[in-house]
Amino acid sequence: MEQPFQKPPASYLDIFHSAQAKLVEGDIDEGRRILSQAIEAGAGEQDIQDFVWYMKGTEAYLNKDEVALQEAIENVQQPVNVGILQNFLSKLQSGQELNYSQDYGQGKL
């Protein structure tokens, strides 16, 4: 008997991009929820831990957690992602209202 087609589970990156889309739209609560799922999906994959730290840093920014964001910055190796996280940290430290779309766009992409 032929097995019905089953869509493979979404990868951490697909989930992250879904979270990012919600964050850009301004739906911070839903974006944060989906981002948490992306972190969980990538947590067990050793070869992507640098990106998992980047996602954790993004989550820390959304949660206004400077300590966790600083930890993520120290653990991320990819220069573009470090730059984005440093921009997030600068925005947190400025005391200004967070705007993911604007603050993300400040990174050297």
PDB file of N, CA and C in Angstrom:
ATOM      1  N   MET A   1       0.844  -1.184   0.000  1.00  0.00           N
ATOM      2  CA  MET A   1       0.000   0.000   0.000  1.00  0.00           C
ATOM      3  C   MET A   1       0.886   1.241   0.000  1.00  0.00           C
ATOM      4  N   GLU A   2       0.576   2.175  -0.840  1.00  0.00           N
ATOM      5  CA  GLU A   2       1.372   3.390  -0.973  1.00  0.00           C
ATOM      6  C   GLU A   2       1.107   4.338   0.196  1.00  0.00           C
ATOM      7  N   GLN A   3       2.195   4.888   0.735  1.00  0.00           N
ATOM      8  CA  GLN A   3       2.077   5.840   1.840  1.00  0.00           C
ATOM      9  C   GLN A   3       1.636   7.204   1.298  1.00  0.00           C
ATOM     10  N   PRO A   4       0.743   7.880   1.993  1.00  0.00           N
ATOM     11  CA  PRO A   4       0.342   9.219   1.546  1.00  0.00           C
ATOM     12  C   PRO A   4       1.518  10.183   1.716  1.00  0.00           C
ATOM     13  N   PHE A   5       1.553  11.191   0.869  1.00  0.00           N
ATOM     14  CA  PHE A   5       2.616  12.194   0.955  1.00  0.00           C
ATOM     15  C   PHE A   5       2.516  12.924   2.284  1.00  0.00           C
ATOM     16  N   GLN A   6       3.660  13.032   2.924  1.00  0.00           N
ATOM     17  CA  GLN A   6       3.718  13.797   4.168  1.00  0.00           C
ATOM     18  C   GLN A   6       4.756  14.888   3.999  1.00  0.00           C
ATOM     19  N   LYS A   7       4.331  16.108   4.219  1.00  0.00           N
ATOM     20  CA  LYS A   7       5.247  17.235   4.121  1.00  0.00           C
ATOM     21  C   LYS A   7       6.288  17.106   5.225  1.00  0.00           C
ATOM     22  N   PRO A   8       7.568  17.279   4.886  1.00  0.00           N
ATOM     23  CA  PRO A   8       8.585  17.195   5.935  1.00  0.00           C
ATOM     24  C   PRO A   8       8.409  18.339   6.932  1.00  0.00           C
ATOM     25  N   PRO A   9       8.852  18.127   8.161  1.00  0.00           N
ATOM     26  CA  PRO A   9       8.704  19.198   9.150  1.00  0.00           C
ATOM     27  C   PRO A   9       9.515  20.418   8.725  1.00  0.00           C
ATOM     28  N   ALA A  10       9.034  21.579   9.080  1.00  0.00           N
ATOM     29  CA  ALA A  10       9.726  22.823   8.734  1.00  0.00           C
ATOM     30  C   ALA A  10      11.072  22.864   9.439  1.00  0.00           C
ATOM     31  N   SER A  11      12.063  23.345   8.737  1.00  0.00           N
ATOM     32  CA  SER A  11      13.379  23.480   9.351  1.00  0.00           C
ATOM     33  C   SER A  11      13.389  24.710  10.255  1.00  0.00           C
ATOM     34  N   TYR A  12      14.388  24.789  11.107  1.00  0.00           N
ATOM     35  CA  TYR A  12      14.532  25.937  12.001  1.00  0.00           C
ATOM     36  C   TYR A  12      14.580  27.231  11.189  1.00  0.00           C
ATOM     37  N   LEU A  13      15.197  27.200  10.006  1.00  0.00           N
ATOM     38  CA  LEU A  13      15.336  28.397   9.196  1.00  0.00           C
ATOM     39  C   LEU A  13      13.993  28.839   8.615  1.00  0.00           C
ATOM     40  N   ASP A  14      13.180  27.885   8.180  1.00  0.00           N
ATOM     41  CA  ASP A  14      11.833  28.215   7.704  1.00  0.00           C
ATOM     42  C   ASP A  14      11.021  28.853   8.831  1.00  0.00           C
ATOM     43  N   ILE A  15      11.125  28.280  10.006  1.00  0.00           N
ATOM     44  CA  ILE A  15      10.385  28.795  11.156  1.00  0.00           C
ATOM     45  C   ILE A  15      10.897  30.189  11.508  1.00  0.00           C
ATOM     46  N   PHE A  16      12.228  30.367  11.496  1.00  0.00           N
ATOM     47  CA  PHE A  16      12.811  31.678  11.794  1.00  0.00           C
ATOM     48  C   PHE A  16      12.301  32.735  10.814  1.00  0.00           C
ATOM     49  N   HIS A  17      12.259  32.389   9.534  1.00  0.00           N
ATOM     50  CA  HIS A  17      11.792  33.363   8.545  1.00  0.00           C
ATOM     51  C   HIS A  17      10.311  33.688   8.736  1.00  0.00           C
ATOM     52  N   SER A  18       9.529  32.736   9.196  1.00  0.00           N
ATOM     53  CA  SER A  18       8.129  33.017   9.528  1.00  0.00           C
ATOM     54  C   SER A  18       8.043  33.988  10.698  1.00  0.00           C
ATOM     55  N   ALA A  19       8.903  33.770  11.690  1.00  0.00           N
ATOM     56  CA  ALA A  19       8.946  34.680  12.842  1.00  0.00           C
ATOM     57  C   ALA A  19       9.360  36.069  12.386  1.00  0.00           C
ATOM     58  N   GLN A  20      10.371  36.128  11.560  1.00  0.00           N
ATOM     59  CA  GLN A  20      10.882  37.405  11.076  1.00  0.00           C
ATOM     60  C   GLN A  20       9.788  38.169  10.314  1.00  0.00           C
ATOM     61  N   ALA A  21       9.018  37.463   9.505  1.00  0.00           N
ATOM     62  CA  ALA A  21       7.936  38.109   8.761  1.00  0.00           C
ATOM     63  C   ALA A  21       6.924  38.728   9.721  1.00  0.00           C
ATOM     64  N   LYS A  22       6.573  38.003  10.775  1.00  0.00           N
ATOM     65  CA  LYS A  22       5.626  38.538  11.767  1.00  0.00           C
ATOM     66  C   LYS A  22       6.214  39.761  12.470  1.00  0.00           C
ATOM     67  N   LEU A  23       7.511  39.700  12.792  1.00  0.00           N
ATOM     68  CA  LEU A  23       8.154  40.819  13.475  1.00  0.00           C
ATOM     69  C   LEU A  23       8.184  42.060  12.588  1.00  0.00           C
ATOM     70  N   VAL A  24       8.474  41.874  11.317  1.00  0.00           N
ATOM     71  CA  VAL A  24       8.498  42.997  10.381  1.00  0.00           C
ATOM     72  C   VAL A  24       7.103  43.606  10.242  1.00  0.00           C
ATOM     73  N   GLU A  25       6.072  42.767  10.277  1.00  0.00           N
ATOM     74  CA  GLU A  25       4.681  43.245  10.206  1.00  0.00           C
ATOM     75  C   GLU A  25       4.279  43.986  11.479  1.00  0.00           C
ATOM     76  N   GLY A  26       5.069  43.828  12.538  1.00  0.00           N
ATOM     77  CA  GLY A  26       4.735  44.476  13.805  1.00  0.00           C
ATOM     78  C   GLY A  26       3.982  43.581  14.765  1.00  0.00           C
ATOM     79  N   ASP A  27       3.785  42.317  14.407  1.00  0.00           N
ATOM     80  CA  ASP A  27       3.101  41.367  15.288  1.00  0.00           C
ATOM     81  C   ASP A  27       4.154  40.723  16.201  1.00  0.00           C
ATOM     82  N   ILE A  28       4.574  41.481  17.197  1.00  0.00           N
ATOM     83  CA  ILE A  28       5.697  41.091  18.054  1.00  0.00           C
ATOM     84  C   ILE A  28       5.371  39.841  18.870  1.00  0.00           C
ATOM     85  N   ASP A  29       4.173  39.765  19.425  1.00  0.00           N
ATOM     86  CA  ASP A  29       3.829  38.596  20.241  1.00  0.00           C
ATOM     87  C   ASP A  29       3.882  37.302  19.431  1.00  0.00           C
ATOM     88  N   GLU A  30       3.295  37.321  18.233  1.00  0.00           N
ATOM     89  CA  GLU A  30       3.302  36.120  17.395  1.00  0.00           C
ATOM     90  C   GLU A  30       4.719  35.838  16.890  1.00  0.00           C
ATOM     91  N   GLY A  31       5.439  36.879  16.523  1.00  0.00           N
ATOM     92  CA  GLY A  31       6.816  36.706  16.078  1.00  0.00           C
ATOM     93  C   GLY A  31       7.687  36.101  17.165  1.00  0.00           C
ATOM     94  N   ARG A  32       7.509  36.561  18.385  1.00  0.00           N
ATOM     95  CA  ARG A  32       8.269  36.034  19.523  1.00  0.00           C
ATOM     96  C   ARG A  32       7.931  34.563  19.753  1.00  0.00           C
ATOM     97  N   ARG A  33       6.652  34.216  19.632  1.00  0.00           N
ATOM     98  CA  ARG A  33       6.219  32.829  19.826  1.00  0.00           C
ATOM     99  C   ARG A  33       6.840  31.914  18.770  1.00  0.00           C
ATOM    100  N   ILE A  34       6.807  32.343  17.528  1.00  0.00           N
ATOM    101  CA  ILE A  34       7.362  31.534  16.447  1.00  0.00           C
ATOM    102  C   ILE A  34       8.881  31.461  16.554  1.00  0.00           C
ATOM    103  N   LEU A  35       9.514  32.567  16.940  1.00  0.00           N
ATOM    104  CA  LEU A  35      10.967  32.577  17.122  1.00  0.00           C
ATOM    105  C   LEU A  35      11.385  31.547  18.168  1.00  0.00           C
ATOM    106  N   SER A  36      10.624  31.438  19.225  1.00  0.00           N
ATOM    107  CA  SER A  36      10.899  30.446  20.261  1.00  0.00           C
ATOM    108  C   SER A  36      10.864  29.030  19.668  1.00  0.00           C
ATOM    109  N   GLN A  37       9.924  28.784  18.757  1.00  0.00           N
ATOM    110  CA  GLN A  37       9.841  27.485  18.090  1.00  0.00           C
ATOM    111  C   GLN A  37      11.070  27.244  17.216  1.00  0.00           C
ATOM    112  N   ALA A  38      11.545  28.287  16.546  1.00  0.00           N
ATOM    113  CA  ALA A  38      12.734  28.157  15.692  1.00  0.00           C
ATOM    114  C   ALA A  38      13.955  27.811  16.530  1.00  0.00           C
ATOM    115  N   ILE A  39      14.088  28.457  17.678  1.00  0.00           N
ATOM    116  CA  ILE A  39      15.213  28.177  18.576  1.00  0.00           C
ATOM    117  C   ILE A  39      15.148  26.725  19.037  1.00  0.00           C
ATOM    118  N   GLU A  40      13.968  26.292  19.416  1.00  0.00           N
ATOM    119  CA  GLU A  40      13.789  24.904  19.863  1.00  0.00           C
ATOM    120  C   GLU A  40      14.112  23.924  18.739  1.00  0.00           C
ATOM    121  N   ALA A  41      13.683  24.243  17.509  1.00  0.00           N
ATOM    122  CA  ALA A  41      13.927  23.352  16.371  1.00  0.00           C
ATOM    123  C   ALA A  41      15.415  23.245  16.036  1.00  0.00           C
ATOM    124  N   GLY A  42      16.175  24.301  16.262  1.00  0.00           N
ATOM    125  CA  GLY A  42      17.592  24.288  15.939  1.00  0.00           C
ATOM    126  C   GLY A  42      18.499  23.907  17.081  1.00  0.00           C
ATOM    127  N   ALA A  43      17.964  23.843  18.270  1.00  0.00           N
ATOM    128  CA  ALA A  43      18.787  23.638  19.466  1.00  0.00           C
ATOM    129  C   ALA A  43      19.629  22.367  19.430  1.00  0.00           C
ATOM    130  N   GLY A  44      19.126  21.301  18.866  1.00  0.00           N
ATOM    131  CA  GLY A  44      19.853  20.036  18.877  1.00  0.00           C
ATOM    132  C   GLY A  44      20.829  19.843  17.726  1.00  0.00           C
ATOM    133  N   GLU A  45      20.871  20.789  16.801  1.00  0.00           N
ATOM    134  CA  GLU A  45      21.731  20.657  15.628  1.00  0.00           C
ATOM    135  C   GLU A  45      23.056  21.365  15.876  1.00  0.00           C
ATOM    136  N   GLN A  46      24.096  20.595  16.132  1.00  0.00           N
ATOM    137  CA  GLN A  46      25.394  21.151  16.506  1.00  0.00           C
ATOM    138  C   GLN A  46      26.003  22.063  15.450  1.00  0.00           C
ATOM    139  N   ASP A  47      25.779  21.771  14.187  1.00  0.00           N
ATOM    140  CA  ASP A  47      26.426  22.547  13.132  1.00  0.00           C
ATOM    141  C   ASP A  47      25.815  23.928  12.913  1.00  0.00           C
ATOM    142  N   ILE A  48      24.737  24.266  13.608  1.00  0.00           N
ATOM    143  CA  ILE A  48      24.120  25.582  13.438  1.00  0.00           C
ATOM    144  C   ILE A  48      24.058  26.379  14.738  1.00  0.00           C
ATOM    145  N   GLN A  49      24.855  26.013  15.709  1.00  0.00           N
ATOM    146  CA  GLN A  49      24.769  26.687  17.003  1.00  0.00           C
ATOM    147  C   GLN A  49      25.052  28.189  16.919  1.00  0.00           C
ATOM    148  N   ASP A  50      25.880  28.604  15.965  1.00  0.00           N
ATOM    149  CA  ASP A  50      26.127  30.031  15.791  1.00  0.00           C
ATOM    150  C   ASP A  50      24.823  30.751  15.469  1.00  0.00           C
ATOM    151  N   PHE A  51      24.017  30.170  14.582  1.00  0.00           N
ATOM    152  CA  PHE A  51      22.752  30.788  14.226  1.00  0.00           C
ATOM    153  C   PHE A  51      21.739  30.672  15.367  1.00  0.00           C
ATOM    154  N   VAL A  52      21.793  29.599  16.115  1.00  0.00           N
ATOM    155  CA  VAL A  52      20.909  29.474  17.278  1.00  0.00           C
ATOM    156  C   VAL A  52      21.202  30.607  18.257  1.00  0.00           C
ATOM    157  N   TRP A  53      22.493  30.906  18.465  1.00  0.00           N
ATOM    158  CA  TRP A  53      22.845  32.033  19.338  1.00  0.00           C
ATOM    159  C   TRP A  53      22.312  33.344  18.774  1.00  0.00           C
ATOM    160  N   TYR A  54      22.366  33.501  17.468  1.00  0.00           N
ATOM    161  CA  TYR A  54      21.819  34.701  16.833  1.00  0.00           C
ATOM    162  C   TYR A  54      20.308  34.802  17.110  1.00  0.00           C
ATOM    163  N   MET A  55      19.612  33.685  16.956  1.00  0.00           N
ATOM    164  CA  MET A  55      18.173  33.696  17.227  1.00  0.00           C
ATOM    165  C   MET A  55      17.912  34.005  18.699  1.00  0.00           C
ATOM    166  N   LYS A  56      18.731  33.451  19.597  1.00  0.00           N
ATOM    167  CA  LYS A  56      18.573  33.748  21.025  1.00  0.00           C
ATOM    168  C   LYS A  56      18.818  35.228  21.295  1.00  0.00           C
ATOM    169  N   GLY A  57      19.769  35.810  20.589  1.00  0.00           N
ATOM    170  CA  GLY A  57      20.031  37.241  20.738  1.00  0.00           C
ATOM    171  C   GLY A  57      18.851  38.073  20.279  1.00  0.00           C
ATOM    172  N   THR A  58      18.234  37.661  19.189  1.00  0.00           N
ATOM    173  CA  THR A  58      17.047  38.355  18.692  1.00  0.00           C
ATOM    174  C   THR A  58      15.923  38.250  19.717  1.00  0.00           C
ATOM    175  N   GLU A  59      15.774  37.073  20.281  1.00  0.00           N
ATOM    176  CA  GLU A  59      14.752  36.872  21.314  1.00  0.00           C
ATOM    177  C   GLU A  59      15.046  37.760  22.527  1.00  0.00           C
ATOM    178  N   ALA A  60      16.312  37.848  22.919  1.00  0.00           N
ATOM    179  CA  ALA A  60      16.686  38.687  24.065  1.00  0.00           C
ATOM    180  C   ALA A  60      16.354  40.154  23.791  1.00  0.00           C
ATOM    181  N   TYR A  61      16.614  40.602  22.584  1.00  0.00           N
ATOM    182  CA  TYR A  61      16.260  41.973  22.184  1.00  0.00           C
ATOM    183  C   TYR A  61      14.760  42.192  22.343  1.00  0.00           C
ATOM    184  N   LEU A  62      13.964  41.258  21.818  1.00  0.00           N
ATOM    185  CA  LEU A  62      12.504  41.385  21.903  1.00  0.00           C
ATOM    186  C   LEU A  62      12.019  41.377  23.343  1.00  0.00           C
ATOM    187  N   ASN A  63      12.746  40.651  24.207  1.00  0.00           N
ATOM    188  CA  ASN A  63      12.388  40.577  25.628  1.00  0.00           C
ATOM    189  C   ASN A  63      13.038  41.682  26.456  1.00  0.00           C
ATOM    190  N   LYS A  64      13.804  42.555  25.778  1.00  0.00           N
ATOM    191  CA  LYS A  64      14.524  43.653  26.435  1.00  0.00           C
ATOM    192  C   LYS A  64      15.452  43.135  27.527  1.00  0.00           C
ATOM    193  N   ASP A  65      16.138  42.035  27.229  1.00  0.00           N
ATOM    194  CA  ASP A  65      17.045  41.383  28.173  1.00  0.00           C
ATOM    195  C   ASP A  65      18.492  41.643  27.734  1.00  0.00           C
ATOM    196  N   GLU A  66      19.073  42.727  28.265  1.00  0.00           N
ATOM    197  CA  GLU A  66      20.431  43.114  27.863  1.00  0.00           C
ATOM    198  C   GLU A  66      21.471  42.046  28.190  1.00  0.00           C
ATOM    199  N   VAL A  67      21.334  41.393  29.327  1.00  0.00           N
ATOM    200  CA  VAL A  67      22.314  40.385  29.735  1.00  0.00           C
ATOM    201  C   VAL A  67      22.328  39.223  28.747  1.00  0.00           C
ATOM    202  N   ALA A  68      21.153  38.711  28.396  1.00  0.00           N
ATOM    203  CA  ALA A  68      21.072  37.597  27.445  1.00  0.00           C
ATOM    204  C   ALA A  68      21.531  38.037  26.060  1.00  0.00           C
ATOM    205  N   LEU A  69      21.238  39.268  25.689  1.00  0.00           N
ATOM    206  CA  LEU A  69      21.672  39.774  24.383  1.00  0.00           C
ATOM    207  C   LEU A  69      23.194  39.889  24.348  1.00  0.00           C
ATOM    208  N   GLN A  70      23.792  40.367  25.416  1.00  0.00           N
ATOM    209  CA  GLN A  70      25.251  40.460  25.490  1.00  0.00           C
ATOM    210  C   GLN A  70      25.881  39.070  25.379  1.00  0.00           C
ATOM    211  N   GLU A  71      25.289  38.086  26.053  1.00  0.00           N
ATOM    212  CA  GLU A  71      25.791  36.709  25.983  1.00  0.00           C
ATOM    213  C   GLU A  71      25.732  36.191  24.546  1.00  0.00           C
ATOM    214  N   ALA A  72      24.635  36.478  23.868  1.00  0.00           N
ATOM    215  CA  ALA A  72      24.506  36.034  22.472  1.00  0.00           C
ATOM    216  C   ALA A  72      25.574  36.688  21.604  1.00  0.00           C
ATOM    217  N   ILE A  73      25.802  37.978  21.789  1.00  0.00           N
ATOM    218  CA  ILE A  73      26.823  38.683  21.011  1.00  0.00           C
ATOM    219  C   ILE A  73      28.182  38.026  21.202  1.00  0.00           C
ATOM    220  N   GLU A  74      28.488  37.629  22.418  1.00  0.00           N
ATOM    221  CA  GLU A  74      29.773  36.991  22.711  1.00  0.00           C
ATOM    222  C   GLU A  74      29.898  35.610  22.067  1.00  0.00           C
ATOM    223  N   ASN A  75      28.781  34.971  21.756  1.00  0.00           N
ATOM    224  CA  ASN A  75      28.806  33.609  21.213  1.00  0.00           C
ATOM    225  C   ASN A  75      28.592  33.520  19.706  1.00  0.00           C
ATOM    226  N   VAL A  76      28.147  34.582  19.072  1.00  0.00           N
ATOM    227  CA  VAL A  76      27.927  34.580  17.627  1.00  0.00           C
ATOM    228  C   VAL A  76      29.239  34.921  16.931  1.00  0.00           C
ATOM    229  N   GLN A  77      29.567  34.152  15.911  1.00  0.00           N
ATOM    230  CA  GLN A  77      30.806  34.354  15.158  1.00  0.00           C
ATOM    231  C   GLN A  77      30.580  35.079  13.832  1.00  0.00           C
ATOM    232  N   GLN A  78      29.424  34.912  13.225  1.00  0.00           N
ATOM    233  CA  GLN A  78      29.154  35.485  11.910  1.00  0.00           C
ATOM    234  C   GLN A  78      29.092  37.014  12.021  1.00  0.00           C
ATOM    235  N   PRO A  79      30.012  37.747  11.363  1.00  0.00           N
ATOM    236  CA  PRO A  79      30.104  39.198  11.533  1.00  0.00           C
ATOM    237  C   PRO A  79      28.815  39.974  11.247  1.00  0.00           C
ATOM    238  N   VAL A  80      28.080  39.601  10.207  1.00  0.00           N
ATOM    239  CA  VAL A  80      26.833  40.320   9.906  1.00  0.00           C
ATOM    240  C   VAL A  80      25.849  40.173  11.058  1.00  0.00           C
ATOM    241  N   ASN A  81      25.723  38.957  11.583  1.00  0.00           N
ATOM    242  CA  ASN A  81      24.784  38.728  12.682  1.00  0.00           C
ATOM    243  C   ASN A  81      25.246  39.409  13.963  1.00  0.00           C
ATOM    244  N   VAL A  82      26.544  39.445  14.207  1.00  0.00           N
ATOM    245  CA  VAL A  82      27.064  40.176  15.371  1.00  0.00           C
ATOM    246  C   VAL A  82      26.683  41.649  15.239  1.00  0.00           C
ATOM    247  N   GLY A  83      26.844  42.208  14.044  1.00  0.00           N
ATOM    248  CA  GLY A  83      26.492  43.611  13.825  1.00  0.00           C
ATOM    249  C   GLY A  83      25.028  43.900  14.102  1.00  0.00           C
ATOM    250  N   ILE A  84      24.163  43.014  13.660  1.00  0.00           N
ATOM    251  CA  ILE A  84      22.727  43.188  13.901  1.00  0.00           C
ATOM    252  C   ILE A  84      22.445  43.142  15.399  1.00  0.00           C
ATOM    253  N   LEU A  85      23.029  42.162  16.084  1.00  0.00           N
ATOM    254  CA  LEU A  85      22.804  42.046  17.529  1.00  0.00           C
ATOM    255  C   LEU A  85      23.366  43.260  18.269  1.00  0.00           C
ATOM    256  N   GLN A  86      24.494  43.784  17.827  1.00  0.00           N
ATOM    257  CA  GLN A  86      25.044  44.979  18.465  1.00  0.00           C
ATOM    258  C   GLN A  86      24.128  46.183  18.252  1.00  0.00           C
ATOM    259  N   ASN A  87      23.522  46.264  17.080  1.00  0.00           N
ATOM    260  CA  ASN A  87      22.532  47.330  16.856  1.00  0.00           C
ATOM    261  C   ASN A  87      21.331  47.161  17.775  1.00  0.00           C
ATOM    262  N   PHE A  88      20.899  45.919  17.944  1.00  0.00           N
ATOM    263  CA  PHE A  88      19.793  45.662  18.864  1.00  0.00           C
ATOM    264  C   PHE A  88      20.172  46.120  20.277  1.00  0.00           C
ATOM    265  N   LEU A  89      21.394  45.800  20.697  1.00  0.00           N
ATOM    266  CA  LEU A  89      21.846  46.188  22.031  1.00  0.00           C
ATOM    267  C   LEU A  89      21.901  47.705  22.170  1.00  0.00           C
ATOM    268  N   SER A  90      22.418  48.386  21.166  1.00  0.00           N
ATOM    269  CA  SER A  90      22.478  49.851  21.198  1.00  0.00           C
ATOM    270  C   SER A  90      21.080  50.443  21.343  1.00  0.00           C
ATOM    271  N   LYS A  91      20.127  49.872  20.622  1.00  0.00           N
ATOM    272  CA  LYS A  91      18.749  50.366  20.707  1.00  0.00           C
ATOM    273  C   LYS A  91      18.180  50.146  22.101  1.00  0.00           C
ATOM    274  N   LEU A  92      18.426  48.967  22.674  1.00  0.00           N
ATOM    275  CA  LEU A  92      17.966  48.712  24.046  1.00  0.00           C
ATOM    276  C   LEU A  92      18.567  49.713  25.014  1.00  0.00           C
ATOM    277  N   GLN A  93      19.853  49.947  24.884  1.00  0.00           N
ATOM    278  CA  GLN A  93      20.551  50.841  25.802  1.00  0.00           C
ATOM    279  C   GLN A  93      20.140  52.298  25.620  1.00  0.00           C
ATOM    280  N   SER A  94      19.626  52.638  24.450  1.00  0.00           N
ATOM    281  CA  SER A  94      19.208  54.019  24.191  1.00  0.00           C
ATOM    282  C   SER A  94      17.916  54.370  24.921  1.00  0.00           C
ATOM    283  N   GLY A  95      17.154  53.351  25.299  1.00  0.00           N
ATOM    284  CA  GLY A  95      15.882  53.587  25.966  1.00  0.00           C
ATOM    285  C   GLY A  95      14.759  53.955  25.013  1.00  0.00           C
ATOM    286  N   GLN A  96      15.049  53.984  23.720  1.00  0.00           N
ATOM    287  CA  GLN A  96      14.019  54.290  22.727  1.00  0.00           C
ATOM    288  C   GLN A  96      13.120  53.078  22.529  1.00  0.00           C
ATOM    289  N   GLU A  97      11.946  53.343  21.982  1.00  0.00           N
ATOM    290  CA  GLU A  97      11.013  52.253  21.694  1.00  0.00           C
ATOM    291  C   GLU A  97      11.608  51.340  20.627  1.00  0.00           C
ATOM    292  N   LEU A  98      11.457  50.033  20.836  1.00  0.00           N
ATOM    293  CA  LEU A  98      11.985  49.065  19.886  1.00  0.00           C
ATOM    294  C   LEU A  98      11.116  49.018  18.637  1.00  0.00           C
ATOM    295  N   ASN A  99      11.772  48.849  17.502  1.00  0.00           N
ATOM    296  CA  ASN A  99      11.094  48.702  16.222  1.00  0.00           C
ATOM    297  C   ASN A  99      11.911  47.684  15.441  1.00  0.00           C
ATOM    298  N   TYR A 100      11.491  46.423  15.476  1.00  0.00           N
ATOM    299  CA  TYR A 100      12.292  45.354  14.887  1.00  0.00           C
ATOM    300  C   TYR A 100      12.689  45.653  13.449  1.00  0.00           C
ATOM    301  N   SER A 101      11.730  46.024  12.630  1.00  0.00           N
ATOM    302  CA  SER A 101      12.007  46.252  11.226  1.00  0.00           C
ATOM    303  C   SER A 101      13.081  47.319  11.036  1.00  0.00           C
ATOM    304  N   GLN A 102      12.952  48.413  11.735  1.00  0.00           N
ATOM    305  CA  GLN A 102      13.932  49.495  11.640  1.00  0.00           C
ATOM    306  C   GLN A 102      15.265  49.078  12.265  1.00  0.00           C
ATOM    307  N   ASP A 103      15.222  48.489  13.440  1.00  0.00           N
ATOM    308  CA  ASP A 103      16.453  48.140  14.162  1.00  0.00           C
ATOM    309  C   ASP A 103      17.209  47.041  13.438  1.00  0.00           C
ATOM    310  N   TYR A 104      16.517  46.090  12.858  1.00  0.00           N
ATOM    311  CA  TYR A 104      17.165  45.031  12.083  1.00  0.00           C
ATOM    312  C   TYR A 104      17.840  45.623  10.851  1.00  0.00           C
ATOM    313  N   GLY A 105      17.178  46.543  10.216  1.00  0.00           N
ATOM    314  CA  GLY A 105      17.691  47.160   9.010  1.00  0.00           C
ATOM    315  C   GLY A 105      18.926  48.006   9.227  1.00  0.00           C
ATOM    316  N   GLN A 106      19.248  48.315  10.483  1.00  0.00           N
ATOM    317  CA  GLN A 106      20.429  49.111  10.776  1.00  0.00           C
ATOM    318  C   GLN A 106      21.699  48.297  10.679  1.00  0.00           C
ATOM    319  N   GLY A 107      21.583  46.967  10.592  1.00  0.00           N
ATOM    320  CA  GLY A 107      22.758  46.108  10.484  1.00  0.00           C
ATOM    321  C   GLY A 107      23.451  46.297   9.153  1.00  0.00           C
ATOM    322  N   LYS A 108      24.702  45.977   9.102  1.00  0.00           N
ATOM    323  CA  LYS A 108      25.487  46.095   7.874  1.00  0.00           C
ATOM    324  C   LYS A 108      25.209  44.855   7.016  1.00  0.00           C
ATOM    325  N   LEU A 109      24.155  44.905   6.235  1.00  0.00           N
ATOM    326  CA  LEU A 109      23.738  43.743   5.435  1.00  0.00           C
ATOM    327  C   LEU A 109      24.376  43.730   4.084  1.00  0.00           C
TER     328      LEU A 109
END
